[in-house]
Amino acid sequence: MIPNWEQDIIHFMRIISRKTLREFWDQHPDARQPLQAWYDDAKHAEWRSPIDIKNVYRNASFLTNNRVIFNIKGNDYRLIVVVQYVHGILYIRFIGTHREYDRIGAATI
């Protein structure tokens, strides 16, 4: 029997960029722990579809262009990422307060 090496490889998510999260929690210290928890969850996840995300984050919202909105710290903050499921990459597009979120175009940011 020939092993299927592709199945045996564990593919974790790559997050671009953690620096964005750090800069935000430096300005909003109460967001640090929830953002670090999200980062650790996402970094060790194997999200290959929106269903994989929804199984962990039931309140996640999905938009066009593979954008996902996460509620952070009881919905005090919003995090928007673009997911490349095939490559396992999350691009952080926005992190902000609920008020700041209301002023942006979440589907195009």
N, C-alpha and C. Protein backbone atom coordinates (compact mmCIF):
# COMPACT_ATOMS: atom_id res chain seq x y z
N MET A 1 0.84 -1.19 0.00
CA MET A 1 0.00 0.00 0.00
C MET A 1 0.88 1.25 0.00
N ILE A 2 0.54 2.19 -0.83
CA ILE A 2 1.30 3.44 -0.94
C ILE A 2 0.66 4.47 -0.01
N PRO A 3 1.47 5.07 0.90
CA PRO A 3 0.89 6.07 1.81
C PRO A 3 0.46 7.32 1.06
N ASN A 4 -0.59 7.93 1.55
CA ASN A 4 -1.07 9.20 1.00
C ASN A 4 -0.53 10.32 1.88
N TRP A 5 0.64 10.84 1.51
CA TRP A 5 1.31 11.85 2.33
C TRP A 5 0.49 13.12 2.45
N GLU A 6 -0.30 13.45 1.43
CA GLU A 6 -1.11 14.66 1.47
C GLU A 6 -2.09 14.62 2.63
N GLN A 7 -2.67 13.47 2.92
CA GLN A 7 -3.62 13.36 4.02
C GLN A 7 -2.93 13.40 5.37
N ASP A 8 -1.69 12.98 5.43
CA ASP A 8 -0.98 12.89 6.70
C ASP A 8 -0.40 14.23 7.15
N ILE A 9 -0.34 15.19 6.27
CA ILE A 9 0.22 16.49 6.62
C ILE A 9 -0.84 17.31 7.35
N ILE A 10 -0.45 17.87 8.47
CA ILE A 10 -1.36 18.74 9.21
C ILE A 10 -1.17 20.16 8.68
N HIS A 11 -2.26 20.76 8.26
CA HIS A 11 -2.22 22.12 7.70
C HIS A 11 -2.85 23.09 8.69
N PHE A 12 -2.02 23.88 9.34
CA PHE A 12 -2.54 24.90 10.23
C PHE A 12 -2.71 26.20 9.46
N MET A 13 -3.52 27.09 10.01
CA MET A 13 -3.77 28.37 9.36
C MET A 13 -2.59 29.31 9.57
N ARG A 14 -2.27 30.05 8.55
CA ARG A 14 -1.26 31.10 8.62
C ARG A 14 -2.01 32.43 8.70
N ILE A 15 -1.65 33.26 9.65
CA ILE A 15 -2.37 34.51 9.88
C ILE A 15 -1.47 35.69 9.53
N ILE A 16 -1.97 36.55 8.67
CA ILE A 16 -1.22 37.72 8.22
C ILE A 16 -2.05 38.95 8.58
N SER A 17 -1.70 39.74 9.51
CA SER A 17 -0.51 39.70 10.32
C SER A 17 -0.88 39.91 11.78
N ARG A 18 -0.15 39.23 12.63
CA ARG A 18 -0.38 39.35 14.07
C ARG A 18 -0.08 40.77 14.56
N LYS A 19 0.82 41.42 13.87
CA LYS A 19 1.19 42.80 14.23
C LYS A 19 -0.05 43.70 14.29
N THR A 20 -0.98 43.52 13.38
CA THR A 20 -2.22 44.31 13.37
C THR A 20 -2.99 44.12 14.67
N LEU A 21 -3.05 42.88 15.14
CA LEU A 21 -3.74 42.60 16.40
C LEU A 21 -3.01 43.24 17.57
N ARG A 22 -1.69 43.10 17.60
CA ARG A 22 -0.89 43.69 18.69
C ARG A 22 -1.07 45.21 18.75
N GLU A 23 -1.02 45.85 17.61
CA GLU A 23 -1.20 47.31 17.59
C GLU A 23 -2.58 47.70 18.11
N PHE A 24 -3.58 46.89 17.80
CA PHE A 24 -4.93 47.20 18.27
C PHE A 24 -5.03 47.01 19.77
N TRP A 25 -4.51 45.90 20.29
CA TRP A 25 -4.67 45.68 21.74
C TRP A 25 -3.77 46.61 22.55
N ASP A 26 -2.74 47.18 21.93
CA ASP A 26 -1.96 48.22 22.63
C ASP A 26 -2.84 49.45 22.87
N GLN A 27 -3.75 49.73 21.95
CA GLN A 27 -4.67 50.86 22.08
C GLN A 27 -5.92 50.49 22.88
N HIS A 28 -6.27 49.21 22.90
CA HIS A 28 -7.47 48.71 23.59
C HIS A 28 -7.07 47.50 24.44
N PRO A 29 -6.45 47.73 25.61
CA PRO A 29 -5.93 46.62 26.42
C PRO A 29 -6.97 45.57 26.78
N ASP A 30 -8.23 45.93 26.88
CA ASP A 30 -9.25 44.93 27.22
C ASP A 30 -9.49 43.94 26.08
N ALA A 31 -8.98 44.24 24.90
CA ALA A 31 -9.13 43.33 23.76
C ALA A 31 -7.98 42.33 23.67
N ARG A 32 -6.95 42.52 24.45
CA ARG A 32 -5.76 41.67 24.32
C ARG A 32 -6.06 40.19 24.53
N GLN A 33 -6.63 39.84 25.65
CA GLN A 33 -6.88 38.43 25.94
C GLN A 33 -7.82 37.78 24.92
N PRO A 34 -8.96 38.42 24.58
CA PRO A 34 -9.83 37.81 23.57
C PRO A 34 -9.16 37.67 22.20
N LEU A 35 -8.35 38.65 21.80
CA LEU A 35 -7.68 38.56 20.51
C LEU A 35 -6.58 37.50 20.52
N GLN A 36 -5.87 37.39 21.64
CA GLN A 36 -4.86 36.33 21.74
C GLN A 36 -5.52 34.96 21.70
N ALA A 37 -6.66 34.82 22.34
CA ALA A 37 -7.38 33.54 22.32
C ALA A 37 -7.84 33.22 20.90
N TRP A 38 -8.40 34.22 20.20
CA TRP A 38 -8.81 34.00 18.81
C TRP A 38 -7.61 33.60 17.96
N TYR A 39 -6.49 34.32 18.12
CA TYR A 39 -5.29 34.04 17.34
C TYR A 39 -4.81 32.61 17.57
N ASP A 40 -4.77 32.19 18.81
CA ASP A 40 -4.33 30.82 19.12
C ASP A 40 -5.28 29.79 18.51
N ASP A 41 -6.58 30.03 18.62
CA ASP A 41 -7.56 29.13 18.00
C ASP A 41 -7.36 29.05 16.49
N ALA A 42 -7.28 30.21 15.86
CA ALA A 42 -7.17 30.26 14.41
C ALA A 42 -5.86 29.66 13.92
N LYS A 43 -4.78 29.96 14.62
CA LYS A 43 -3.47 29.47 14.21
C LYS A 43 -3.42 27.94 14.20
N HIS A 44 -4.10 27.31 15.13
CA HIS A 44 -4.07 25.85 15.23
C HIS A 44 -5.25 25.16 14.54
N ALA A 45 -6.05 25.95 13.84
CA ALA A 45 -7.23 25.40 13.17
C ALA A 45 -6.85 24.82 11.81
N GLU A 46 -7.75 24.04 11.28
CA GLU A 46 -7.64 23.53 9.92
C GLU A 46 -8.94 23.87 9.20
N TRP A 47 -9.14 25.15 8.97
CA TRP A 47 -10.38 25.62 8.35
C TRP A 47 -10.28 25.47 6.84
N ARG A 48 -11.07 24.57 6.28
CA ARG A 48 -11.08 24.32 4.85
C ARG A 48 -12.38 24.78 4.19
N SER A 49 -13.32 25.25 5.04
CA SER A 49 -14.61 25.73 4.52
C SER A 49 -15.27 26.59 5.60
N PRO A 50 -16.28 27.38 5.22
CA PRO A 50 -17.00 28.16 6.22
C PRO A 50 -17.62 27.28 7.32
N ILE A 51 -18.00 26.08 6.99
CA ILE A 51 -18.59 25.17 7.99
C ILE A 51 -17.59 24.88 9.10
N ASP A 52 -16.32 24.74 8.74
CA ASP A 52 -15.29 24.48 9.76
C ASP A 52 -15.20 25.65 10.74
N ILE A 53 -15.31 26.86 10.24
CA ILE A 53 -15.27 28.03 11.11
C ILE A 53 -16.54 28.08 11.96
N LYS A 54 -17.68 27.86 11.34
CA LYS A 54 -18.96 27.94 12.04
C LYS A 54 -19.05 26.90 13.16
N ASN A 55 -18.39 25.76 12.99
CA ASN A 55 -18.39 24.74 14.05
C ASN A 55 -17.69 25.22 15.31
N VAL A 56 -16.77 26.16 15.18
CA VAL A 56 -16.03 26.69 16.33
C VAL A 56 -16.60 28.04 16.77
N TYR A 57 -16.93 28.88 15.81
CA TYR A 57 -17.43 30.23 16.09
C TYR A 57 -18.84 30.37 15.52
N ARG A 58 -19.81 30.00 16.31
CA ARG A 58 -21.21 30.00 15.85
C ARG A 58 -21.70 31.39 15.47
N ASN A 59 -21.12 32.44 16.06
CA ASN A 59 -21.56 33.80 15.77
C ASN A 59 -20.79 34.45 14.62
N ALA A 60 -19.90 33.71 13.99
CA ALA A 60 -19.17 34.26 12.85
C ALA A 60 -20.15 34.53 11.72
N SER A 61 -19.91 35.63 11.01
CA SER A 61 -20.74 35.99 9.86
C SER A 61 -19.89 35.90 8.60
N PHE A 62 -20.52 35.48 7.53
CA PHE A 62 -19.80 35.27 6.28
C PHE A 62 -20.33 36.22 5.21
N LEU A 63 -19.39 36.88 4.53
CA LEU A 63 -19.71 37.82 3.47
C LEU A 63 -19.13 37.30 2.15
N THR A 64 -19.38 38.05 1.10
CA THR A 64 -18.79 37.70 -0.18
C THR A 64 -17.28 37.83 -0.12
N ASN A 65 -16.61 37.34 -1.14
CA ASN A 65 -15.15 37.43 -1.26
C ASN A 65 -14.42 36.77 -0.10
N ASN A 66 -15.01 35.70 0.45
CA ASN A 66 -14.39 34.91 1.53
C ASN A 66 -14.07 35.73 2.78
N ARG A 67 -14.85 36.75 3.04
CA ARG A 67 -14.67 37.54 4.26
C ARG A 67 -15.48 36.93 5.39
N VAL A 68 -14.86 36.93 6.57
CA VAL A 68 -15.52 36.40 7.77
C VAL A 68 -15.41 37.46 8.85
N ILE A 69 -16.53 37.68 9.55
CA ILE A 69 -16.56 38.64 10.66
C ILE A 69 -16.66 37.86 11.95
N PHE A 70 -15.74 38.15 12.87
CA PHE A 70 -15.75 37.55 14.19
C PHE A 70 -16.10 38.61 15.22
N ASN A 71 -16.96 38.27 16.15
CA ASN A 71 -17.28 39.13 17.28
C ASN A 71 -16.24 38.87 18.36
N ILE A 72 -15.60 39.92 18.82
CA ILE A 72 -14.54 39.81 19.82
C ILE A 72 -14.99 40.49 21.10
N LYS A 73 -14.74 39.85 22.20
CA LYS A 73 -15.07 40.37 23.53
C LYS A 73 -16.55 40.73 23.63
N GLY A 74 -17.38 39.72 23.42
CA GLY A 74 -18.82 39.93 23.56
C GLY A 74 -19.38 40.95 22.59
N ASN A 75 -18.79 41.01 21.40
CA ASN A 75 -19.23 41.91 20.34
C ASN A 75 -18.84 43.38 20.58
N ASP A 76 -17.92 43.62 21.53
CA ASP A 76 -17.39 44.98 21.69
C ASP A 76 -16.54 45.37 20.49
N TYR A 77 -15.89 44.37 19.89
CA TYR A 77 -15.00 44.60 18.77
C TYR A 77 -15.36 43.66 17.63
N ARG A 78 -14.99 44.06 16.44
CA ARG A 78 -15.22 43.25 15.25
C ARG A 78 -13.89 43.02 14.55
N LEU A 79 -13.71 41.79 14.13
CA LEU A 79 -12.51 41.39 13.39
C LEU A 79 -12.97 40.84 12.04
N ILE A 80 -12.42 41.39 10.97
CA ILE A 80 -12.74 40.90 9.63
C ILE A 80 -11.48 40.30 9.03
N VAL A 81 -11.61 39.08 8.53
CA VAL A 81 -10.51 38.42 7.85
C VAL A 81 -10.98 37.95 6.48
N VAL A 82 -10.02 37.82 5.58
CA VAL A 82 -10.25 37.17 4.30
C VAL A 82 -9.58 35.81 4.39
N VAL A 83 -10.30 34.77 4.03
CA VAL A 83 -9.79 33.41 4.16
C VAL A 83 -9.48 32.84 2.78
N GLN A 84 -8.29 32.31 2.64
CA GLN A 84 -7.95 31.50 1.48
C GLN A 84 -7.94 30.06 1.98
N TYR A 85 -9.06 29.39 1.84
CA TYR A 85 -9.23 28.05 2.39
C TYR A 85 -8.23 27.05 1.80
N VAL A 86 -8.00 27.11 0.51
CA VAL A 86 -7.12 26.14 -0.15
C VAL A 86 -5.70 26.23 0.40
N HIS A 87 -5.23 27.44 0.65
CA HIS A 87 -3.86 27.63 1.12
C HIS A 87 -3.75 27.75 2.63
N GLY A 88 -4.88 27.83 3.34
CA GLY A 88 -4.84 27.93 4.79
C GLY A 88 -4.30 29.26 5.29
N ILE A 89 -4.72 30.34 4.65
CA ILE A 89 -4.22 31.66 5.03
C ILE A 89 -5.38 32.56 5.45
N LEU A 90 -5.20 33.30 6.54
CA LEU A 90 -6.14 34.31 7.00
C LEU A 90 -5.46 35.66 6.89
N TYR A 91 -6.08 36.58 6.18
CA TYR A 91 -5.57 37.94 6.06
C TYR A 91 -6.45 38.84 6.93
N ILE A 92 -5.86 39.46 7.91
CA ILE A 92 -6.61 40.39 8.76
C ILE A 92 -6.83 41.67 7.97
N ARG A 93 -8.10 42.03 7.78
CA ARG A 93 -8.44 43.21 7.00
C ARG A 93 -8.90 44.37 7.88
N PHE A 94 -9.45 44.05 9.07
CA PHE A 94 -9.98 45.11 9.92
C PHE A 94 -10.12 44.56 11.34
N ILE A 95 -9.78 45.40 12.30
CA ILE A 95 -10.12 45.17 13.71
C ILE A 95 -10.50 46.52 14.26
N GLY A 96 -11.65 46.58 14.90
CA GLY A 96 -12.09 47.86 15.42
C GLY A 96 -13.29 47.74 16.34
N THR A 97 -13.67 48.87 16.87
CA THR A 97 -14.85 48.91 17.73
C THR A 97 -16.09 48.71 16.87
N HIS A 98 -17.20 48.47 17.54
CA HIS A 98 -18.46 48.30 16.83
C HIS A 98 -18.81 49.57 16.05
N ARG A 99 -18.55 50.71 16.65
CA ARG A 99 -18.83 52.00 16.00
C ARG A 99 -17.96 52.17 14.75
N GLU A 100 -16.67 51.83 14.84
CA GLU A 100 -15.78 51.92 13.67
C GLU A 100 -16.23 50.95 12.58
N TYR A 101 -16.66 49.77 12.99
CA TYR A 101 -17.14 48.77 12.04
C TYR A 101 -18.35 49.31 11.26
N ASP A 102 -19.23 50.01 11.95
CA ASP A 102 -20.43 50.54 11.30
C ASP A 102 -20.11 51.57 10.20
N ARG A 103 -18.90 52.12 10.23
CA ARG A 103 -18.51 53.16 9.26
C ARG A 103 -17.74 52.61 8.04
N ILE A 104 -17.48 51.32 8.02
CA ILE A 104 -16.69 50.76 6.91
C ILE A 104 -17.58 49.90 6.01
N GLY A 105 -17.07 49.56 4.87
CA GLY A 105 -17.74 48.60 3.99
C GLY A 105 -17.13 47.24 4.22
N ALA A 106 -17.72 46.45 5.09
CA ALA A 106 -17.15 45.17 5.50
C ALA A 106 -16.90 44.23 4.33
N ALA A 107 -17.71 44.30 3.30
CA ALA A 107 -17.55 43.40 2.16
C ALA A 107 -16.42 43.80 1.23
N THR A 108 -15.93 45.02 1.38
CA THR A 108 -14.89 45.49 0.45
C THR A 108 -13.59 45.89 1.12
N ILE A 109 -13.56 45.96 2.42
CA ILE A 109 -12.34 46.40 3.11
C ILE A 109 -11.21 45.40 2.90
